[in-house]
């Protein structure tokens, strides 16, 4: 019981000392965190749409490419690029420049946790600041 009272007293002291700073930080970071979460949700929605479209094609596949800091999903029928999710004003041949076509994902392929972790790491590195790795 004495250990619990000591812990509660410590939490109250730390809360009183750093509480206002934490409040200001949460207010300041709320907007950027919300924006980043919306970006991830939009990318996931676009991936699902592209995946469903590729599944409806005879030899469909999808490929993730980047335009600036936005991730786009190209849908292929065989070796021909059909469309992009989300819709982008950039022409398909320009999006394909420098893309590694061997990394296309077919609907019948199952992604493992390792594959998803690799993709998340690559995406995180792309968000780095100038002068950072990649």
C-alpha atoms as a PDB file:
ATOM      1  CA  UNK A   1       0.000   0.000   0.000  1.00  0.00           C
ATOM      2  CA  UNK A   2       2.834   2.385   0.813  1.00  0.00           C
ATOM      3  CA  UNK A   3       4.295   1.763  -2.659  1.00  0.00           C
ATOM      4  CA  UNK A   4       1.041   2.773  -4.354  1.00  0.00           C
ATOM      5  CA  UNK A   5       0.752   5.999  -2.366  1.00  0.00           C
ATOM      6  CA  UNK A   6       4.322   6.910  -3.214  1.00  0.00           C
ATOM      7  CA  UNK A   7       3.706   6.248  -6.911  1.00  0.00           C
ATOM      8  CA  UNK A   8       0.522   8.336  -6.935  1.00  0.00           C
ATOM      9  CA  UNK A   9       2.329  11.198  -5.183  1.00  0.00           C
ATOM     10  CA  UNK A  10       5.104  11.052  -7.804  1.00  0.00           C
ATOM     11  CA  UNK A  11       2.569  11.099 -10.678  1.00  0.00           C
ATOM     12  CA  UNK A  12       0.785  14.116  -9.173  1.00  0.00           C
ATOM     13  CA  UNK A  13       4.065  16.028  -8.748  1.00  0.00           C
ATOM     14  CA  UNK A  14       5.236  15.272 -12.292  1.00  0.00           C
ATOM     15  CA  UNK A  15       1.766  16.111 -13.659  1.00  0.00           C
ATOM     16  CA  UNK A  16       1.735  19.444 -11.878  1.00  0.00           C
ATOM     17  CA  UNK A  17       5.223  20.265 -13.122  1.00  0.00           C
ATOM     18  CA  UNK A  18       4.954  19.154 -16.776  1.00  0.00           C
ATOM     19  CA  UNK A  19       1.185  19.206 -17.322  1.00  0.00           C
ATOM     20  CA  UNK A  20       1.026  22.669 -18.931  1.00  0.00           C
ATOM     21  CA  UNK A  21       3.898  21.835 -21.287  1.00  0.00           C
ATOM     22  CA  UNK A  22       2.223  18.579 -22.314  1.00  0.00           C
ATOM     23  CA  UNK A  23      -1.042  20.461 -22.920  1.00  0.00           C
ATOM     24  CA  UNK A  24       0.663  23.001 -25.195  1.00  0.00           C
ATOM     25  CA  UNK A  25       2.523  20.248 -27.076  1.00  0.00           C
ATOM     26  CA  UNK A  26      -0.661  18.248 -27.701  1.00  0.00           C
ATOM     27  CA  UNK A  27      -2.406  21.371 -29.008  1.00  0.00           C
ATOM     28  CA  UNK A  28       0.511  22.164 -31.327  1.00  0.00           C
ATOM     29  CA  UNK A  29       0.896  18.596 -32.634  1.00  0.00           C
ATOM     30  CA  UNK A  30      -2.786  17.803 -33.051  1.00  0.00           C
ATOM     31  CA  UNK A  31      -3.011  19.242 -36.594  1.00  0.00           C
ATOM     32  CA  UNK A  32       0.103  17.590 -38.076  1.00  0.00           C
ATOM     33  CA  UNK A  33      -0.743  14.236 -36.465  1.00  0.00           C
ATOM     34  CA  UNK A  34      -4.270  14.366 -37.839  1.00  0.00           C
ATOM     35  CA  UNK A  35      -2.951  15.272 -41.304  1.00  0.00           C
ATOM     36  CA  UNK A  36      -0.465  12.378 -41.270  1.00  0.00           C
ATOM     37  CA  UNK A  37      -3.174   9.931 -40.189  1.00  0.00           C
ATOM     38  CA  UNK A  38      -5.478  11.126 -42.978  1.00  0.00           C
ATOM     39  CA  UNK A  39      -2.652  10.657 -45.505  1.00  0.00           C
ATOM     40  CA  UNK A  40      -2.124   7.054 -44.366  1.00  0.00           C
ATOM     41  CA  UNK A  41      -5.860   6.333 -44.479  1.00  0.00           C
ATOM     42  CA  UNK A  42      -6.142   7.778 -48.003  1.00  0.00           C
ATOM     43  CA  UNK A  43      -3.219   5.664 -49.201  1.00  0.00           C
ATOM     44  CA  UNK A  44      -4.750   2.523 -47.705  1.00  0.00           C
ATOM     45  CA  UNK A  45      -8.112   3.277 -49.324  1.00  0.00           C
ATOM     46  CA  UNK A  46      -6.399   3.820 -52.691  1.00  0.00           C
ATOM     47  CA  UNK A  47      -4.479   0.540 -52.291  1.00  0.00           C
ATOM     48  CA  UNK A  48      -7.691  -1.392 -51.646  1.00  0.00           C
ATOM     49  CA  UNK A  49      -9.383   0.198 -54.663  1.00  0.00           C
ATOM     50  CA  UNK A  50      -6.410  -0.620 -56.894  1.00  0.00           C
ATOM     51  CA  UNK A  51      -6.261  -4.161 -55.501  1.00  0.00           C
ATOM     52  CA  UNK A  52      -9.967  -4.731 -56.240  1.00  0.00           C
ATOM     53  CA  UNK A  53      -9.533  -3.337 -59.756  1.00  0.00           C
ATOM     54  CA  UNK A  54      -6.506  -5.577 -60.399  1.00  0.00           C
ATOM     55  CA  UNK A  55      -8.420  -8.604 -59.113  1.00  0.00           C
ATOM     56  CA  UNK A  56     -11.119  -7.989 -61.740  1.00  0.00           C
ATOM     57  CA  UNK A  57      -8.552  -8.083 -64.590  1.00  0.00           C
ATOM     58  CA  UNK A  58      -7.246 -11.241 -66.284  1.00  0.00           C
ATOM     59  CA  UNK A  59      -3.556 -10.640 -65.489  1.00  0.00           C
ATOM     60  CA  UNK A  60      -3.894  -7.773 -63.016  1.00  0.00           C
ATOM     61  CA  UNK A  61      -1.242  -6.418 -60.674  1.00  0.00           C
ATOM     62  CA  UNK A  62      -0.527  -3.256 -58.689  1.00  0.00           C
ATOM     63  CA  UNK A  63       2.611  -1.218 -58.032  1.00  0.00           C
ATOM     64  CA  UNK A  64       3.243   1.500 -55.463  1.00  0.00           C
ATOM     65  CA  UNK A  65       4.959   4.623 -56.802  1.00  0.00           C
ATOM     66  CA  UNK A  66       5.504   8.058 -55.303  1.00  0.00           C
ATOM     67  CA  UNK A  67       4.711  11.508 -56.602  1.00  0.00           C
ATOM     68  CA  UNK A  68       6.353  13.913 -54.203  1.00  0.00           C
ATOM     69  CA  UNK A  69       5.310  12.720 -50.753  1.00  0.00           C
ATOM     70  CA  UNK A  70       2.077  11.102 -51.973  1.00  0.00           C
ATOM     71  CA  UNK A  71       1.941   7.360 -52.599  1.00  0.00           C
ATOM     72  CA  UNK A  72       0.070   6.241 -55.702  1.00  0.00           C
ATOM     73  CA  UNK A  73      -0.992   2.750 -56.776  1.00  0.00           C
ATOM     74  CA  UNK A  74      -0.713   1.850 -60.466  1.00  0.00           C
ATOM     75  CA  UNK A  75      -2.953  -0.907 -61.839  1.00  0.00           C
ATOM     76  CA  UNK A  76      -1.517  -3.127 -64.573  1.00  0.00           C
ATOM     77  CA  UNK A  77      -3.146  -5.533 -66.985  1.00  0.00           C
ATOM     78  CA  UNK A  78      -0.268  -7.725 -68.052  1.00  0.00           C
ATOM     79  CA  UNK A  79       2.589  -5.296 -68.677  1.00  0.00           C
ATOM     80  CA  UNK A  80       0.366  -2.334 -69.567  1.00  0.00           C
ATOM     81  CA  UNK A  81      -0.447   0.348 -67.002  1.00  0.00           C
ATOM     82  CA  UNK A  82      -4.199   0.922 -66.966  1.00  0.00           C
ATOM     83  CA  UNK A  83      -4.960   3.495 -64.271  1.00  0.00           C
ATOM     84  CA  UNK A  84      -3.742   5.026 -61.022  1.00  0.00           C
ATOM     85  CA  UNK A  85      -5.342   5.304 -57.578  1.00  0.00           C
ATOM     86  CA  UNK A  86      -5.908   7.963 -56.295  1.00  0.00           C
ATOM     87  CA  UNK A  87      -6.433   9.856 -59.541  1.00  0.00           C
ATOM     88  CA  UNK A  88      -3.418  11.958 -60.468  1.00  0.00           C
ATOM     89  CA  UNK A  89      -3.003  14.586 -63.218  1.00  0.00           C
ATOM     90  CA  UNK A  90       0.479  13.180 -63.991  1.00  0.00           C
ATOM     91  CA  UNK A  91       0.504  10.921 -67.090  1.00  0.00           C
ATOM     92  CA  UNK A  92       1.094   7.206 -66.491  1.00  0.00           C
ATOM     93  CA  UNK A  93       4.379   6.996 -68.484  1.00  0.00           C
ATOM     94  CA  UNK A  94       5.852   9.741 -66.295  1.00  0.00           C
ATOM     95  CA  UNK A  95       4.815   7.892 -63.113  1.00  0.00           C
ATOM     96  CA  UNK A  96       6.468   4.737 -64.457  1.00  0.00           C
ATOM     97  CA  UNK A  97       9.855   6.413 -64.987  1.00  0.00           C
ATOM     98  CA  UNK A  98      12.359   4.802 -62.661  1.00  0.00           C
ATOM     99  CA  UNK A  99       9.808   2.381 -61.176  1.00  0.00           C
ATOM    100  CA  UNK A 100      10.923  -1.204 -60.485  1.00  0.00           C
ATOM    101  CA  UNK A 101       8.305  -3.298 -62.285  1.00  0.00           C
ATOM    102  CA  UNK A 102       9.529  -6.475 -60.587  1.00  0.00           C
ATOM    103  CA  UNK A 103       7.942  -5.245 -57.341  1.00  0.00           C
ATOM    104  CA  UNK A 104       4.405  -5.490 -58.689  1.00  0.00           C
ATOM    105  CA  UNK A 105       1.923  -7.249 -56.439  1.00  0.00           C
ATOM    106  CA  UNK A 106      -0.532  -9.734 -57.898  1.00  0.00           C
ATOM    107  CA  UNK A 107      -3.920 -10.288 -56.215  1.00  0.00           C
ATOM    108  CA  UNK A 108      -3.162 -13.980 -55.681  1.00  0.00           C
ATOM    109  CA  UNK A 109       0.092 -13.141 -53.837  1.00  0.00           C
ATOM    110  CA  UNK A 110      -0.249 -12.899 -50.082  1.00  0.00           C
ATOM    111  CA  UNK A 111       1.829 -10.219 -48.376  1.00  0.00           C
ATOM    112  CA  UNK A 112       3.605 -11.328 -45.233  1.00  0.00           C
ATOM    113  CA  UNK A 113       4.209  -9.199 -42.157  1.00  0.00           C
ATOM    114  CA  UNK A 114       7.851  -8.920 -43.247  1.00  0.00           C
ATOM    115  CA  UNK A 115       6.792  -7.463 -46.609  1.00  0.00           C
ATOM    116  CA  UNK A 116       4.530  -4.903 -44.946  1.00  0.00           C
ATOM    117  CA  UNK A 117       7.291  -3.927 -42.501  1.00  0.00           C
ATOM    118  CA  UNK A 118       9.731  -3.395 -45.390  1.00  0.00           C
ATOM    119  CA  UNK A 119       7.203  -1.160 -47.155  1.00  0.00           C
ATOM    120  CA  UNK A 120       6.590   0.846 -43.979  1.00  0.00           C
ATOM    121  CA  UNK A 121      10.344   1.324 -43.487  1.00  0.00           C
ATOM    122  CA  UNK A 122      10.783   2.511 -47.077  1.00  0.00           C
ATOM    123  CA  UNK A 123       7.893   4.953 -46.685  1.00  0.00           C
ATOM    124  CA  UNK A 124       9.308   6.291 -43.424  1.00  0.00           C
ATOM    125  CA  UNK A 125      12.698   6.891 -45.042  1.00  0.00           C
ATOM    126  CA  UNK A 126      11.038   8.803 -47.892  1.00  0.00           C
ATOM    127  CA  UNK A 127       9.562  11.218 -45.329  1.00  0.00           C
ATOM    128  CA  UNK A 128      13.017  12.099 -44.033  1.00  0.00           C
ATOM    129  CA  UNK A 129      14.297  15.634 -43.918  1.00  0.00           C
ATOM    130  CA  UNK A 130      16.750  16.979 -46.515  1.00  0.00           C
ATOM    131  CA  UNK A 131      20.192  15.650 -45.704  1.00  0.00           C
ATOM    132  CA  UNK A 132      18.768  12.549 -44.006  1.00  0.00           C
ATOM    133  CA  UNK A 133      19.216   9.013 -45.303  1.00  0.00           C
ATOM    134  CA  UNK A 134      17.435   8.667 -48.678  1.00  0.00           C
END
